[in-house]
Amino acid sequence: MSDELTLLVLRLVFLLVLWGFIFALVYALRSDLFGAPVRRIKNAGRNDDLIDPFLAEPMPVATAPQQAPTNPVVAGALTEPLAKVPSAAAGPSGTATRLVITTGTKAGVEIPLNGEPLTIGRSSDSSLVIRDEYTSTHHARLVFQNGEWYLHDLDSTNGTFLNARRIGSPVVIPNNTPFTIGKTSFELRR
């Protein structure tokens, strides 16, 4: 009788450990399975709520009177401190007008940049869809602000790299400097 009871207890413990492992795995992969979390954020000029599904960060409230932005998601897109990354490979000064894919399945493709945000990821609702197993659903976002392009990692699983260094906050992308998302590398060019 005691052998049967011991065997039953061991089976139950094994099942609990197995289910715990499954829940931990799903929890770790939730951003790839369901995308970035959506949070309500306040608009800088009004009191109504907006939803920014890509950044999932609160927008800053304007401190000085400003003209109301035409696209509030673009105007308040970056809320973290912006850091410049020095690069010896930085190209000529001036605003980039195109995004060039230098390596990966879409190598050689050029995307014209018009100043609008560009979301890169596996999801079909991304501006630029990159299908590889190392790219998250909503992996990264390019935002044009203050005359420069900023790269923002959207809490991707495998990270976003600028000039072979992983980024943790929005950074300025110098022209002709490679940045990598999954197995694909990009450059901004004039």
Protein backbone atom coordinates (compact mmCIF):
# COMPACT_ATOMS: atom_id res chain seq x y z
CA MET A 1 0.00 0.00 0.00
CA SER A 2 2.75 2.44 0.82
CA ASP A 3 4.49 1.71 -2.53
CA GLU A 4 1.29 2.60 -4.39
CA LEU A 5 0.91 5.82 -2.40
CA THR A 6 4.54 6.79 -3.07
CA LEU A 7 4.09 6.11 -6.79
CA LEU A 8 0.89 8.22 -6.86
CA VAL A 9 2.62 11.13 -5.09
CA LEU A 10 5.58 10.96 -7.51
CA ARG A 11 3.21 11.00 -10.49
CA LEU A 12 1.39 14.06 -9.13
CA VAL A 13 4.67 15.89 -8.45
CA PHE A 14 5.86 15.07 -11.98
CA LEU A 15 2.61 16.42 -13.48
CA LEU A 16 2.88 19.62 -11.43
CA VAL A 17 6.49 20.17 -12.54
CA LEU A 18 5.51 19.48 -16.17
CA TRP A 19 2.63 21.97 -16.08
CA GLY A 20 4.84 24.53 -14.34
CA PHE A 21 7.37 24.20 -17.15
CA ILE A 22 4.64 24.66 -19.80
CA PHE A 23 3.30 27.80 -18.08
CA ALA A 24 6.82 29.24 -17.73
CA LEU A 25 7.48 28.62 -21.42
CA VAL A 26 4.25 30.32 -22.53
CA TYR A 27 4.93 33.24 -20.18
CA ALA A 28 8.44 33.71 -21.63
CA LEU A 29 7.15 33.67 -25.20
CA ARG A 30 4.05 35.81 -24.66
CA SER A 31 5.41 38.87 -26.48
CA ASP A 32 6.13 36.80 -29.59
CA LEU A 33 2.79 35.01 -29.35
CA PHE A 34 0.56 38.02 -28.70
CA GLY A 35 2.66 41.08 -29.62
CA ALA A 36 3.50 44.07 -27.48
CA PRO A 37 1.08 44.87 -24.65
CA VAL A 38 -1.37 47.71 -25.26
CA ARG A 39 -1.58 50.42 -22.62
CA ARG A 40 -3.72 53.52 -22.45
CA ILE A 41 -1.69 56.70 -22.77
CA LYS A 42 -2.55 60.37 -22.48
CA ASN A 43 -2.32 62.63 -25.51
CA ALA A 44 0.01 65.61 -25.06
CA GLY A 45 -2.60 68.18 -26.12
CA ARG A 46 -5.93 66.68 -25.02
CA ASN A 47 -7.35 64.68 -22.16
CA ASP A 48 -8.72 61.81 -24.24
CA ASP A 49 -6.86 58.50 -24.27
CA LEU A 50 -4.91 57.08 -27.19
CA ILE A 51 -3.63 53.57 -27.69
CA ASP A 52 -0.09 53.02 -28.94
CA PRO A 53 0.22 49.25 -29.51
CA PHE A 54 3.83 49.44 -30.72
CA LEU A 55 5.55 51.44 -28.00
CA ALA A 56 3.35 50.61 -25.03
CA GLU A 57 4.87 53.54 -23.18
CA PRO A 58 3.28 56.72 -21.88
CA MET A 59 3.76 59.82 -24.01
CA PRO A 60 5.25 62.87 -22.30
CA VAL A 61 2.89 65.71 -21.44
CA ALA A 62 3.85 68.98 -23.12
CA THR A 63 5.16 71.56 -20.65
CA ALA A 64 5.15 74.59 -22.95
CA PRO A 65 2.29 75.60 -25.26
CA GLN A 66 2.85 73.98 -28.62
CA GLN A 67 0.94 73.55 -31.83
CA ALA A 68 -1.17 70.39 -31.71
CA PRO A 69 0.58 67.60 -33.61
CA THR A 70 -1.20 66.11 -36.62
CA ASN A 71 -0.10 62.60 -35.67
CA PRO A 72 0.18 62.30 -31.86
CA VAL A 73 1.84 58.87 -31.99
CA VAL A 74 4.71 60.26 -34.07
CA ALA A 75 5.05 63.48 -32.09
CA GLY A 76 5.38 61.73 -28.74
CA ALA A 77 6.85 58.46 -29.91
CA LEU A 78 10.08 58.46 -27.92
CA THR A 79 9.81 58.90 -24.18
CA GLU A 80 13.17 57.56 -23.03
CA PRO A 81 16.35 59.66 -23.11
CA LEU A 82 17.79 59.71 -26.59
CA ALA A 83 21.39 58.58 -26.83
CA LYS A 84 23.79 59.18 -29.69
CA VAL A 85 25.95 56.23 -30.61
CA PRO A 86 29.35 57.25 -31.94
CA SER A 87 30.39 55.48 -35.09
CA ALA A 88 33.52 55.59 -37.16
CA ALA A 89 31.45 54.37 -40.10
CA ALA A 90 29.00 57.27 -39.97
CA GLY A 91 28.27 58.64 -43.40
CA PRO A 92 27.91 62.18 -44.63
CA SER A 93 25.75 64.54 -42.64
CA GLY A 94 22.18 64.99 -43.79
CA THR A 95 18.92 63.21 -43.44
CA ALA A 96 18.61 59.70 -44.82
CA THR A 97 16.00 59.29 -47.54
CA ARG A 98 16.02 55.50 -47.86
CA LEU A 99 16.42 52.34 -45.84
CA VAL A 100 18.54 49.68 -47.57
CA ILE A 101 18.47 46.00 -46.58
CA THR A 102 22.10 44.87 -46.84
CA THR A 103 21.87 41.22 -45.69
CA GLY A 104 19.07 38.71 -45.22
CA THR A 105 16.29 37.30 -47.35
CA LYS A 106 15.38 40.73 -48.76
CA ALA A 107 18.97 41.93 -49.38
CA GLY A 108 19.12 44.75 -51.93
CA VAL A 109 15.61 46.05 -51.25
CA GLU A 110 15.39 49.82 -50.73
CA ILE A 111 12.51 51.45 -48.86
CA PRO A 112 11.96 55.20 -49.34
CA LEU A 113 11.68 57.13 -46.07
CA ASN A 114 9.13 59.91 -45.90
CA GLY A 115 9.43 60.90 -42.23
CA GLU A 116 6.69 58.54 -41.02
CA PRO A 117 7.47 55.90 -38.35
CA LEU A 118 8.47 52.52 -39.72
CA THR A 119 7.72 49.40 -37.67
CA ILE A 120 9.80 46.30 -38.42
CA GLY A 121 8.71 42.82 -37.38
CA ARG A 122 7.17 39.48 -38.32
CA SER A 123 3.57 40.66 -37.97
CA SER A 124 1.62 41.39 -41.14
CA ASP A 125 0.60 44.77 -39.68
CA SER A 126 4.25 45.91 -39.48
CA SER A 127 5.37 48.53 -42.00
CA LEU A 128 8.25 46.28 -43.03
CA VAL A 129 7.62 42.54 -42.62
CA ILE A 130 10.74 40.42 -42.00
CA ARG A 131 10.00 36.72 -41.72
CA ASP A 132 12.71 34.87 -39.85
CA GLU A 133 12.72 32.96 -36.58
CA TYR A 134 14.90 35.58 -34.81
CA THR A 135 12.58 38.53 -35.50
CA SER A 136 9.80 39.31 -33.01
CA THR A 137 6.21 40.12 -33.98
CA HIS A 138 6.82 43.86 -33.44
CA HIS A 139 10.60 43.96 -33.18
CA ALA A 140 11.77 47.55 -33.67
CA ARG A 141 10.62 50.97 -34.81
CA LEU A 142 12.31 53.77 -36.74
CA VAL A 143 11.08 57.25 -35.83
CA PHE A 144 12.09 60.56 -37.42
CA GLN A 145 12.45 63.27 -34.78
CA ASN A 146 14.42 66.52 -34.59
CA GLY A 147 15.89 65.96 -38.06
CA GLU A 148 17.35 62.52 -37.21
CA TRP A 149 16.26 58.90 -37.38
CA TYR A 150 16.00 57.03 -34.08
CA LEU A 151 15.97 53.25 -33.64
CA HIS A 152 13.83 51.88 -30.80
CA ASP A 153 13.76 48.20 -29.80
CA LEU A 154 10.21 47.15 -28.90
CA ASP A 155 11.19 44.69 -26.15
CA SER A 156 12.13 42.07 -28.73
CA THR A 157 13.22 38.62 -27.63
CA ASN A 158 16.54 38.58 -29.50
CA GLY A 159 17.36 42.30 -29.36
CA THR A 160 18.21 44.99 -31.87
CA PHE A 161 21.85 45.78 -32.67
CA LEU A 162 23.39 49.03 -33.92
CA ASN A 163 26.94 48.68 -35.19
CA ALA A 164 27.11 45.22 -33.51
CA ARG A 165 26.09 46.63 -30.08
CA ARG A 166 22.73 45.75 -28.51
CA ILE A 167 20.57 48.80 -27.83
CA GLY A 168 18.41 49.27 -24.76
CA SER A 169 16.98 52.72 -25.39
CA PRO A 170 16.26 54.79 -28.52
CA VAL A 171 19.45 55.75 -30.36
CA VAL A 172 20.29 57.96 -33.33
CA ILE A 173 21.16 55.97 -36.44
CA PRO A 174 24.03 57.57 -38.38
CA ASN A 175 23.90 57.20 -42.17
CA ASN A 176 25.67 54.12 -43.56
CA THR A 177 25.88 52.46 -40.11
CA PRO A 178 24.57 48.88 -40.03
CA PHE A 179 21.83 47.85 -37.64
CA THR A 180 20.57 44.30 -37.30
CA ILE A 181 17.13 42.87 -36.58
CA GLY A 182 17.04 39.08 -36.49
CA LYS A 183 19.14 37.82 -39.40
CA THR A 184 18.60 40.99 -41.46
CA SER A 185 20.92 44.01 -41.57
CA PHE A 186 19.91 47.50 -42.65
CA GLU A 187 21.53 50.88 -43.36
CA LEU A 188 20.13 54.38 -43.68
CA ARG A 189 21.37 56.17 -46.79
CA ARG A 190 20.89 59.53 -48.44
